[in-house]
Amino acid sequence: MKASLSRTNEASLSAVISMLERERQGLTVAYGGGFLPAR
């Protein structure tokens, strides 16, 4: 795996995570705080 690819993936993940964090605040009420099933 190339370093440039890792950096691109990290940037993409950061953007996705921040977006999900914002959405999760609204979804928490709908799903009772259980966004993902507990393992």
C-alpha atoms as a PDB file:
ATOM      1  CA  MET A   1       0.000   0.000   0.000  1.00  0.00           C
ATOM      2  CA  LYS A   2       1.425   3.340  -1.041  1.00  0.00           C
ATOM      3  CA  ALA A   3       1.803   6.276   1.345  1.00  0.00           C
ATOM      4  CA  SER A   4      -0.060   8.616  -1.005  1.00  0.00           C
ATOM      5  CA  LEU A   5      -2.999   6.203  -1.075  1.00  0.00           C
ATOM      6  CA  SER A   6      -3.003   6.013   2.733  1.00  0.00           C
ATOM      7  CA  ARG A   7      -3.076   9.794   2.999  1.00  0.00           C
ATOM      8  CA  THR A   8      -5.975   9.973   0.543  1.00  0.00           C
ATOM      9  CA  ASN A   9      -7.869   7.311   2.471  1.00  0.00           C
ATOM     10  CA  GLU A  10      -7.229   9.099   5.762  1.00  0.00           C
ATOM     11  CA  ALA A  11      -8.573  12.361   4.355  1.00  0.00           C
ATOM     12  CA  SER A  12     -11.644  10.599   2.978  1.00  0.00           C
ATOM     13  CA  LEU A  13     -12.277   8.792   6.255  1.00  0.00           C
ATOM     14  CA  SER A  14     -11.938  12.014   8.225  1.00  0.00           C
ATOM     15  CA  ALA A  15     -14.530  13.677   5.997  1.00  0.00           C
ATOM     16  CA  VAL A  16     -16.904  10.711   6.233  1.00  0.00           C
ATOM     17  CA  ILE A  17     -16.499  10.395  10.006  1.00  0.00           C
ATOM     18  CA  SER A  18     -17.172  14.088  10.616  1.00  0.00           C
ATOM     19  CA  MET A  19     -20.258  13.855   8.401  1.00  0.00           C
ATOM     20  CA  LEU A  20     -21.491  10.763  10.248  1.00  0.00           C
ATOM     21  CA  GLU A  21     -20.884  12.413  13.617  1.00  0.00           C
ATOM     22  CA  ARG A  22     -23.177  15.264  12.597  1.00  0.00           C
ATOM     23  CA  GLU A  23     -25.841  12.885  11.284  1.00  0.00           C
ATOM     24  CA  ARG A  24     -25.516  10.610  14.323  1.00  0.00           C
ATOM     25  CA  GLN A  25     -26.596  13.436  16.629  1.00  0.00           C
ATOM     26  CA  GLY A  26     -29.967  13.382  14.852  1.00  0.00           C
ATOM     27  CA  LEU A  27     -30.092   9.591  14.516  1.00  0.00           C
ATOM     28  CA  THR A  28     -29.350   8.996  18.192  1.00  0.00           C
ATOM     29  CA  VAL A  29     -32.905   9.990  19.094  1.00  0.00           C
ATOM     30  CA  ALA A  30     -34.442   7.828  16.363  1.00  0.00           C
ATOM     31  CA  TYR A  31     -32.424   4.721  17.234  1.00  0.00           C
ATOM     32  CA  GLY A  32     -32.278   5.191  20.979  1.00  0.00           C
ATOM     33  CA  GLY A  33     -28.518   5.733  20.905  1.00  0.00           C
ATOM     34  CA  GLY A  34     -27.881   2.321  19.299  1.00  0.00           C
ATOM     35  CA  PHE A  35     -26.484   3.441  15.945  1.00  0.00           C
ATOM     36  CA  LEU A  36     -24.565   0.167  15.546  1.00  0.00           C
ATOM     37  CA  PRO A  37     -25.495  -3.164  17.136  1.00  0.00           C
ATOM     38  CA  ALA A  38     -23.342  -4.030  20.133  1.00  0.00           C
ATOM     39  CA  ARG A  39     -20.917  -6.873  19.531  1.00  0.00           C
END
